[in-house]
């Protein structure tokens, strides 16, 4: 369990199991501090700091559930954050209606604490309910256009699945670029979602996205009947 106290984060473990979370006594937990450098990378040249006054945005913060104090690469979460920020910087210079809008990074004490992204209120799976075949085809074509744009920029998403498609009205928007890699680069530890990924893939290639696109097409045209 991850515990937050102010700006500090801890890995919290209990000596014994409890039937429900509400039964936990915080004072009895063993707390291991998570060093900021393990999940908040230093701001590098070329990274945009988000303005203080922003519209209603979604702040994507580092996921700490994979943090392990014995990890041989303890800063791998920081690496993912910095990598996604760098890709978002490129994407914002080449905007596309089917790719999430990025406003910059939240910065605390010289380190990136979150990515500020456009906030969408509905998911693809929700939109598919009671959608006509024509609407579903339109959604799929929008996703395909977004991926084509990404490939033209030399990047592969590597994690296309319904949970990574939000909706801006009737426009599908691709999100979540922490698995995204330049075309031809070796895939990292974060790549793909079970049942939606090309399992034998070891490098970022267009085929990874084409495989997931084909599965998405089936999912969309069936109207989420699964």
Protein backbone atom coordinates (compact mmCIF):
# COMPACT_ATOMS: atom_id res chain seq x y z
CA UNK A 1 0.00 0.00 0.00
CA UNK A 2 1.22 3.51 -0.82
CA UNK A 3 0.77 6.14 1.89
CA UNK A 4 1.12 9.89 1.40
CA UNK A 5 1.96 12.45 4.06
CA UNK A 6 2.18 15.93 2.59
CA UNK A 7 4.77 15.74 -0.20
CA UNK A 8 6.26 12.50 1.13
CA UNK A 9 5.30 9.01 -0.03
CA UNK A 10 5.82 5.70 1.75
CA UNK A 11 5.47 2.01 1.02
CA UNK A 12 3.28 0.82 3.89
CA UNK A 13 3.24 -2.82 4.98
CA UNK A 14 1.37 -4.55 7.79
CA UNK A 15 2.72 -7.31 10.03
CA UNK A 16 -0.57 -9.15 9.82
CA UNK A 17 -3.50 -9.28 7.44
CA UNK A 18 -6.70 -7.37 8.09
CA UNK A 19 -10.12 -8.31 6.67
CA UNK A 20 -10.92 -4.78 5.47
CA UNK A 21 -8.95 -1.63 4.72
CA UNK A 22 -10.98 0.33 7.26
CA UNK A 23 -9.60 -1.95 9.98
CA UNK A 24 -6.02 -0.85 9.32
CA UNK A 25 -4.33 1.10 12.09
CA UNK A 26 -1.97 3.49 10.34
CA UNK A 27 0.32 3.80 13.36
CA UNK A 28 1.05 0.05 13.28
CA UNK A 29 2.25 0.02 9.66
CA UNK A 30 5.88 -0.32 8.66
CA UNK A 31 6.71 2.69 6.49
CA UNK A 32 9.49 2.71 3.91
CA UNK A 33 10.14 6.21 2.50
CA UNK A 34 10.09 6.40 -1.30
CA UNK A 35 12.90 8.75 -2.40
CA UNK A 36 11.61 11.57 -4.66
CA UNK A 37 14.26 10.82 -7.28
CA UNK A 38 12.75 7.36 -7.73
CA UNK A 39 9.50 8.71 -9.16
CA UNK A 40 9.99 12.43 -9.81
CA UNK A 41 12.65 13.12 -12.44
CA UNK A 42 14.56 16.38 -12.57
CA UNK A 43 13.22 18.85 -15.11
CA UNK A 44 15.37 18.80 -18.20
CA UNK A 45 15.84 21.34 -20.98
CA UNK A 46 12.89 21.33 -23.35
CA UNK A 47 10.29 20.33 -20.76
CA UNK A 48 7.43 22.83 -20.46
CA UNK A 49 6.33 23.88 -16.99
CA UNK A 50 2.55 24.08 -16.88
CA UNK A 51 1.14 27.55 -16.14
CA UNK A 52 -0.30 28.08 -12.68
CA UNK A 53 -3.76 29.02 -13.96
CA UNK A 54 -5.06 26.17 -16.08
CA UNK A 55 -8.52 25.11 -17.18
CA UNK A 56 -9.95 21.95 -15.71
CA UNK A 57 -7.21 19.43 -16.48
CA UNK A 58 -6.28 15.86 -15.65
CA UNK A 59 -2.96 15.55 -13.81
CA UNK A 60 -1.29 12.22 -14.54
CA UNK A 61 0.94 11.43 -11.57
CA UNK A 62 3.54 8.66 -11.31
CA UNK A 63 2.15 5.23 -10.44
CA UNK A 64 4.04 3.95 -7.39
CA UNK A 65 2.48 0.50 -7.09
CA UNK A 66 5.42 -1.05 -8.95
CA UNK A 67 8.01 0.60 -6.71
CA UNK A 68 10.34 -1.90 -5.06
CA UNK A 69 13.16 -0.79 -2.72
CA UNK A 70 15.27 -3.73 -3.91
CA UNK A 71 14.87 -2.89 -7.62
CA UNK A 72 18.16 -2.90 -9.52
CA UNK A 73 16.93 0.18 -11.39
CA UNK A 74 15.17 2.12 -8.61
CA UNK A 75 14.59 5.16 -10.83
CA UNK A 76 12.68 3.30 -13.55
CA UNK A 77 9.44 5.11 -12.62
CA UNK A 78 11.23 8.46 -12.99
CA UNK A 79 12.54 7.30 -16.36
CA UNK A 80 8.99 6.52 -17.54
CA UNK A 81 7.71 9.93 -16.41
CA UNK A 82 10.50 11.78 -18.19
CA UNK A 83 10.08 9.65 -21.30
CA UNK A 84 6.34 10.33 -21.51
CA UNK A 85 6.89 14.05 -20.89
CA UNK A 86 9.41 14.17 -23.73
CA UNK A 87 7.01 12.46 -26.13
CA UNK A 88 4.19 14.80 -25.10
CA UNK A 89 6.47 17.77 -25.82
CA UNK A 90 6.90 16.52 -29.39
CA UNK A 91 3.21 15.75 -29.82
CA UNK A 92 2.18 19.21 -28.67
CA UNK A 93 4.28 20.69 -31.48
CA UNK A 94 2.35 18.49 -33.92
CA UNK A 95 -1.21 18.52 -32.53
CA UNK A 96 -3.93 16.20 -33.78
CA UNK A 97 -7.60 16.07 -32.74
CA UNK A 98 -7.35 12.34 -31.98
CA UNK A 99 -4.35 12.66 -29.65
CA UNK A 100 -4.56 13.98 -26.10
CA UNK A 101 -3.69 17.63 -25.55
CA UNK A 102 -0.75 18.33 -23.23
CA UNK A 103 -0.27 21.57 -21.27
CA UNK A 104 3.09 20.94 -19.61
CA UNK A 105 4.38 19.45 -16.37
CA UNK A 106 3.74 20.26 -12.74
CA UNK A 107 7.10 21.01 -11.14
CA UNK A 108 7.89 20.80 -7.43
CA UNK A 109 11.38 21.43 -6.07
CA UNK A 110 12.84 21.19 -9.56
CA UNK A 111 11.26 17.80 -10.23
CA UNK A 112 8.31 16.69 -12.38
CA UNK A 113 5.39 15.71 -10.15
CA UNK A 114 2.76 15.25 -12.85
CA UNK A 115 1.76 15.75 -16.48
CA UNK A 116 -1.10 18.18 -17.16
CA UNK A 117 -3.40 16.82 -19.85
CA UNK A 118 -6.81 17.68 -21.24
CA UNK A 119 -9.61 16.20 -19.17
CA UNK A 120 -12.29 14.13 -20.88
CA UNK A 121 -15.49 13.07 -19.19
CA UNK A 122 -16.42 9.97 -21.15
CA UNK A 123 -14.72 6.76 -22.24
CA UNK A 124 -14.93 4.94 -25.55
CA UNK A 125 -16.70 1.97 -23.94
CA UNK A 126 -19.40 4.30 -22.59
CA UNK A 127 -19.95 5.92 -25.99
CA UNK A 128 -20.41 2.56 -27.67
CA UNK A 129 -23.58 1.91 -25.69
CA UNK A 130 -26.52 2.49 -28.06
CA UNK A 131 -24.22 3.91 -30.78
CA UNK A 132 -25.20 3.35 -34.40
CA UNK A 133 -22.94 1.38 -36.72
CA UNK A 134 -22.10 4.62 -38.54
CA UNK A 135 -21.01 6.26 -35.29
CA UNK A 136 -18.87 3.27 -34.34
CA UNK A 137 -17.16 3.33 -37.72
CA UNK A 138 -16.50 7.04 -37.24
CA UNK A 139 -14.91 6.39 -33.84
CA UNK A 140 -12.65 3.71 -35.28
CA UNK A 141 -11.58 5.91 -38.19
CA UNK A 142 -10.67 8.68 -35.75
CA UNK A 143 -8.46 6.34 -33.73
CA UNK A 144 -6.82 5.09 -36.92
CA UNK A 145 -6.10 8.68 -38.01
CA UNK A 146 -4.50 9.43 -34.66
CA UNK A 147 -2.24 6.38 -34.91
CA UNK A 148 -1.32 7.24 -38.51
CA UNK A 149 -0.30 10.72 -37.33
CA UNK A 150 1.78 9.22 -34.52
CA UNK A 151 3.52 6.86 -36.94
CA UNK A 152 4.28 9.75 -39.30
CA UNK A 153 6.10 11.42 -36.41
CA UNK A 154 8.17 8.26 -35.95
CA UNK A 155 6.48 6.91 -32.81
CA UNK A 156 4.63 3.70 -31.92
CA UNK A 157 1.99 3.78 -29.17
CA UNK A 158 2.41 0.11 -28.12
CA UNK A 159 -0.59 0.07 -25.76
CA UNK A 160 -3.78 0.59 -27.75
CA UNK A 161 -6.80 -0.75 -25.89
CA UNK A 162 -10.27 0.59 -24.97
CA UNK A 163 -9.12 2.04 -21.64
CA UNK A 164 -6.64 4.28 -23.48
CA UNK A 165 -9.31 5.88 -25.65
CA UNK A 166 -11.29 8.77 -24.20
CA UNK A 167 -14.00 10.77 -25.94
CA UNK A 168 -14.18 14.51 -26.62
CA UNK A 169 -17.81 14.69 -27.62
CA UNK A 170 -17.91 12.35 -30.62
CA UNK A 171 -14.15 12.54 -31.21
CA UNK A 172 -12.05 9.64 -29.92
CA UNK A 173 -8.82 10.73 -28.25
CA UNK A 174 -5.79 8.49 -27.72
CA UNK A 175 -4.19 8.84 -24.27
CA UNK A 176 -1.45 7.20 -22.19
CA UNK A 177 1.95 7.49 -23.85
CA UNK A 178 4.18 5.87 -21.22
CA UNK A 179 4.59 2.79 -23.44
CA UNK A 180 5.22 4.90 -26.55
CA UNK A 181 8.63 4.46 -28.17
CA UNK A 182 10.39 5.67 -31.32
CA UNK A 183 9.91 3.29 -34.23
CA UNK A 184 12.50 0.51 -34.05
CA UNK A 185 13.47 1.03 -30.41
CA UNK A 186 13.52 -1.94 -28.03
CA UNK A 187 10.43 -2.12 -25.85
CA UNK A 188 10.84 -1.38 -22.17
CA UNK A 189 9.24 -2.99 -19.13
CA UNK A 190 6.09 -0.90 -19.68
CA UNK A 191 4.55 -2.00 -22.97
CA UNK A 192 1.16 -3.34 -23.91
CA UNK A 193 -1.90 -4.68 -22.13
CA UNK A 194 -2.67 -8.38 -21.83
CA UNK A 195 -4.96 -9.64 -24.62
CA UNK A 196 -4.50 -6.39 -26.58
CA UNK A 197 -0.78 -6.54 -27.31
CA UNK A 198 1.26 -8.39 -29.91
CA UNK A 199 2.77 -10.74 -27.35
CA UNK A 200 5.91 -11.71 -29.27
CA UNK A 201 6.87 -8.08 -29.94
CA UNK A 202 10.25 -6.98 -28.55
CA UNK A 203 10.68 -3.79 -30.59
CA UNK A 204 8.44 -0.81 -31.29
CA UNK A 205 7.10 -1.36 -34.81
CA UNK A 206 3.92 -0.27 -36.61
CA UNK A 207 2.76 -3.90 -36.51
CA UNK A 208 2.30 -3.58 -32.73
CA UNK A 209 -0.30 -0.86 -33.24
CA UNK A 210 -1.85 -2.51 -36.30
CA UNK A 211 -2.49 -5.66 -34.25
CA UNK A 212 -4.18 -3.67 -31.47
CA UNK A 213 -6.10 -1.56 -34.01
CA UNK A 214 -7.58 -4.71 -35.53
CA UNK A 215 -8.74 -5.86 -32.10
CA UNK A 216 -10.12 -2.38 -31.37
CA UNK A 217 -12.03 -2.39 -34.65
CA UNK A 218 -13.69 -5.66 -33.69
CA UNK A 219 -14.45 -4.32 -30.21
CA UNK A 220 -15.90 -1.05 -31.54
CA UNK A 221 -17.99 -2.44 -34.38
CA UNK A 222 -19.52 -5.01 -32.07
CA UNK A 223 -20.60 -2.11 -29.87
CA UNK A 224 -18.76 -3.33 -26.76
CA UNK A 225 -20.81 -6.53 -26.72
CA UNK A 226 -18.32 -8.48 -24.61
